[in-house]
Amino acid sequence: MDINWAPFVKAVVASIVYSLIGIVMFGISFLVIKLVTPFSLRKEIEEDQNTALAIMIGSVILGLSIIIASAIGG
């Protein structure tokens, strides 16, 4: 029984490449968010316990992730 591994390898490589592209796009998007805000996100969330800001940033992160995933997935 001879198995053709070419389609499997091609799919795995494509998945890895698209994952890396998504991670890089997400990182750039998060850096833009960090640069646009006039205050320190870390200080506001960790030290000042700003729950509303943490929820907002979490929502933005989820939204970016969904947009990037749909753009890559087609």
N, C-alpha and C. Protein backbone atom coordinates (compact mmCIF):
# COMPACT_ATOMS: atom_id res chain seq x y z
N MET A 1 0.84 -1.17 0.00
CA MET A 1 0.00 0.00 0.00
C MET A 1 0.89 1.25 0.00
N ASP A 2 0.81 2.00 -1.06
CA ASP A 2 1.65 3.18 -1.23
C ASP A 2 0.81 4.44 -0.94
N ILE A 3 1.29 5.25 0.00
CA ILE A 3 0.56 6.46 0.40
C ILE A 3 1.26 7.67 -0.19
N ASN A 4 0.45 8.56 -0.79
CA ASN A 4 0.97 9.80 -1.35
C ASN A 4 0.92 10.87 -0.25
N TRP A 5 2.08 11.27 0.25
CA TRP A 5 2.18 12.22 1.35
C TRP A 5 2.21 13.68 0.89
N ALA A 6 2.33 13.93 -0.40
CA ALA A 6 2.48 15.29 -0.91
C ALA A 6 1.32 16.22 -0.53
N PRO A 7 0.06 15.81 -0.68
CA PRO A 7 -1.03 16.72 -0.30
C PRO A 7 -1.04 17.03 1.21
N PHE A 8 -0.71 16.04 2.01
CA PHE A 8 -0.68 16.24 3.46
C PHE A 8 0.42 17.22 3.85
N VAL A 9 1.61 17.04 3.30
CA VAL A 9 2.73 17.92 3.60
C VAL A 9 2.43 19.33 3.13
N LYS A 10 1.84 19.45 1.94
CA LYS A 10 1.49 20.76 1.40
C LYS A 10 0.48 21.47 2.32
N ALA A 11 -0.51 20.76 2.83
CA ALA A 11 -1.51 21.35 3.73
C ALA A 11 -0.89 21.76 5.06
N VAL A 12 0.01 20.96 5.59
CA VAL A 12 0.66 21.29 6.86
C VAL A 12 1.54 22.53 6.70
N VAL A 13 2.29 22.60 5.62
CA VAL A 13 3.15 23.77 5.37
C VAL A 13 2.30 25.03 5.20
N ALA A 14 1.19 24.92 4.46
CA ALA A 14 0.31 26.06 4.26
C ALA A 14 -0.29 26.51 5.59
N SER A 15 -0.67 25.58 6.44
CA SER A 15 -1.23 25.93 7.75
C SER A 15 -0.20 26.65 8.61
N ILE A 16 1.02 26.18 8.59
CA ILE A 16 2.08 26.83 9.37
C ILE A 16 2.35 28.24 8.86
N VAL A 17 2.42 28.40 7.55
CA VAL A 17 2.69 29.71 6.96
C VAL A 17 1.55 30.68 7.30
N TYR A 18 0.30 30.25 7.13
CA TYR A 18 -0.83 31.11 7.44
C TYR A 18 -0.91 31.44 8.92
N SER A 19 -0.54 30.50 9.77
CA SER A 19 -0.53 30.77 11.21
C SER A 19 0.51 31.84 11.55
N LEU A 20 1.68 31.73 10.96
CA LEU A 20 2.72 32.73 11.21
C LEU A 20 2.31 34.11 10.70
N ILE A 21 1.69 34.16 9.53
CA ILE A 21 1.20 35.43 8.99
C ILE A 21 0.17 36.03 9.93
N GLY A 22 -0.75 35.22 10.43
CA GLY A 22 -1.77 35.70 11.36
C GLY A 22 -1.19 36.22 12.66
N ILE A 23 -0.20 35.51 13.20
CA ILE A 23 0.44 35.94 14.44
C ILE A 23 1.16 37.27 14.25
N VAL A 24 1.85 37.42 13.13
CA VAL A 24 2.56 38.67 12.85
C VAL A 24 1.56 39.82 12.67
N MET A 25 0.48 39.59 11.94
CA MET A 25 -0.54 40.63 11.75
C MET A 25 -1.17 41.02 13.09
N PHE A 26 -1.44 40.04 13.94
CA PHE A 26 -2.01 40.32 15.24
C PHE A 26 -1.04 41.13 16.10
N GLY A 27 0.23 40.76 16.07
CA GLY A 27 1.23 41.50 16.84
C GLY A 27 1.35 42.95 16.39
N ILE A 28 1.33 43.17 15.10
CA ILE A 28 1.39 44.54 14.57
C ILE A 28 0.15 45.32 14.99
N SER A 29 -1.01 44.67 14.91
CA SER A 29 -2.25 45.34 15.31
C SER A 29 -2.22 45.72 16.79
N PHE A 30 -1.72 44.83 17.63
CA PHE A 30 -1.65 45.12 19.06
C PHE A 30 -0.68 46.26 19.33
N LEU A 31 0.44 46.32 18.59
CA LEU A 31 1.39 47.42 18.77
C LEU A 31 0.75 48.75 18.37
N VAL A 32 -0.06 48.74 17.31
CA VAL A 32 -0.75 49.96 16.90
C VAL A 32 -1.71 50.42 18.01
N ILE A 33 -2.44 49.47 18.60
CA ILE A 33 -3.34 49.82 19.70
C ILE A 33 -2.55 50.42 20.86
N LYS A 34 -1.42 49.83 21.15
CA LYS A 34 -0.58 50.29 22.26
C LYS A 34 -0.04 51.70 21.98
N LEU A 35 0.30 51.99 20.72
CA LEU A 35 0.83 53.31 20.38
C LEU A 35 -0.27 54.38 20.35
N VAL A 36 -1.49 54.00 20.00
CA VAL A 36 -2.57 54.96 19.87
C VAL A 36 -3.10 55.41 21.23
N THR A 37 -3.09 54.51 22.20
CA THR A 37 -3.61 54.88 23.52
C THR A 37 -2.66 55.85 24.21
N PRO A 38 -3.21 56.91 24.82
CA PRO A 38 -2.34 57.93 25.44
C PRO A 38 -1.85 57.56 26.84
N PHE A 39 -2.16 56.35 27.31
CA PHE A 39 -1.75 55.92 28.64
C PHE A 39 -1.16 54.52 28.56
N SER A 40 -0.56 54.09 29.65
CA SER A 40 0.05 52.76 29.71
C SER A 40 -1.03 51.71 29.97
N LEU A 41 -1.21 50.80 29.03
CA LEU A 41 -2.20 49.74 29.19
C LEU A 41 -1.86 48.85 30.39
N ARG A 42 -0.60 48.51 30.53
CA ARG A 42 -0.18 47.64 31.62
C ARG A 42 -0.48 48.29 32.97
N LYS A 43 -0.14 49.56 33.13
CA LYS A 43 -0.36 50.25 34.41
C LYS A 43 -1.85 50.33 34.72
N GLU A 44 -2.65 50.68 33.74
CA GLU A 44 -4.09 50.83 33.96
C GLU A 44 -4.74 49.50 34.36
N ILE A 45 -4.35 48.42 33.68
CA ILE A 45 -5.00 47.13 33.94
C ILE A 45 -4.44 46.45 35.18
N GLU A 46 -3.13 46.41 35.32
CA GLU A 46 -2.52 45.68 36.44
C GLU A 46 -2.53 46.47 37.75
N GLU A 47 -2.04 47.69 37.72
CA GLU A 47 -1.87 48.44 38.96
C GLU A 47 -3.16 49.12 39.40
N ASP A 48 -3.89 49.74 38.44
CA ASP A 48 -5.11 50.47 38.80
C ASP A 48 -6.35 49.60 38.78
N GLN A 49 -6.20 48.32 38.38
CA GLN A 49 -7.32 47.36 38.35
C GLN A 49 -8.50 47.89 37.53
N ASN A 50 -8.21 48.45 36.34
CA ASN A 50 -9.25 49.00 35.48
C ASN A 50 -9.89 47.85 34.68
N THR A 51 -10.96 47.30 35.24
CA THR A 51 -11.64 46.15 34.63
C THR A 51 -12.29 46.51 33.30
N ALA A 52 -12.85 47.70 33.21
CA ALA A 52 -13.52 48.13 31.98
C ALA A 52 -12.52 48.18 30.83
N LEU A 53 -11.33 48.68 31.07
CA LEU A 53 -10.30 48.73 30.03
C LEU A 53 -9.86 47.33 29.63
N ALA A 54 -9.73 46.45 30.61
CA ALA A 54 -9.33 45.07 30.32
C ALA A 54 -10.38 44.38 29.44
N ILE A 55 -11.66 44.60 29.73
CA ILE A 55 -12.72 44.02 28.91
C ILE A 55 -12.69 44.61 27.51
N MET A 56 -12.47 45.92 27.40
CA MET A 56 -12.43 46.57 26.09
C MET A 56 -11.25 46.05 25.25
N ILE A 57 -10.09 45.95 25.85
CA ILE A 57 -8.91 45.46 25.13
C ILE A 57 -9.11 44.00 24.75
N GLY A 58 -9.70 43.21 25.63
CA GLY A 58 -10.01 41.81 25.30
C GLY A 58 -10.96 41.71 24.13
N SER A 59 -11.96 42.58 24.08
CA SER A 59 -12.91 42.59 22.97
C SER A 59 -12.23 42.98 21.66
N VAL A 60 -11.34 43.95 21.73
CA VAL A 60 -10.60 44.36 20.53
C VAL A 60 -9.72 43.21 20.05
N ILE A 61 -9.07 42.52 20.96
CA ILE A 61 -8.21 41.39 20.61
C ILE A 61 -9.03 40.28 19.94
N LEU A 62 -10.20 39.96 20.51
CA LEU A 62 -11.06 38.94 19.89
C LEU A 62 -11.53 39.37 18.51
N GLY A 63 -11.92 40.63 18.38
CA GLY A 63 -12.35 41.13 17.07
C GLY A 63 -11.25 41.06 16.04
N LEU A 64 -10.04 41.49 16.42
CA LEU A 64 -8.90 41.40 15.50
C LEU A 64 -8.62 39.94 15.11
N SER A 65 -8.69 39.06 16.07
CA SER A 65 -8.42 37.65 15.79
C SER A 65 -9.44 37.08 14.79
N ILE A 66 -10.71 37.42 14.96
CA ILE A 66 -11.73 36.93 14.04
C ILE A 66 -11.53 37.51 12.66
N ILE A 67 -11.21 38.80 12.56
CA ILE A 67 -10.98 39.42 11.26
C ILE A 67 -9.78 38.80 10.56
N ILE A 68 -8.67 38.62 11.28
CA ILE A 68 -7.46 38.04 10.68
C ILE A 68 -7.72 36.61 10.26
N ALA A 69 -8.41 35.84 11.09
CA ALA A 69 -8.70 34.43 10.75
C ALA A 69 -9.58 34.34 9.50
N SER A 70 -10.57 35.20 9.40
CA SER A 70 -11.44 35.14 8.22
C SER A 70 -10.72 35.64 6.98
N ALA A 71 -9.82 36.61 7.14
CA ALA A 71 -9.07 37.10 5.98
C ALA A 71 -8.10 36.04 5.46
N ILE A 72 -7.50 35.30 6.36
CA ILE A 72 -6.57 34.24 5.96
C ILE A 72 -7.31 33.03 5.42
N GLY A 73 -8.41 32.69 6.09
CA GLY A 73 -9.16 31.50 5.70
C GLY A 73 -9.96 31.66 4.41
N GLY A 74 -10.30 32.87 4.09
CA GLY A 74 -11.02 33.13 2.85
C GLY A 74 -12.45 33.12 3.02
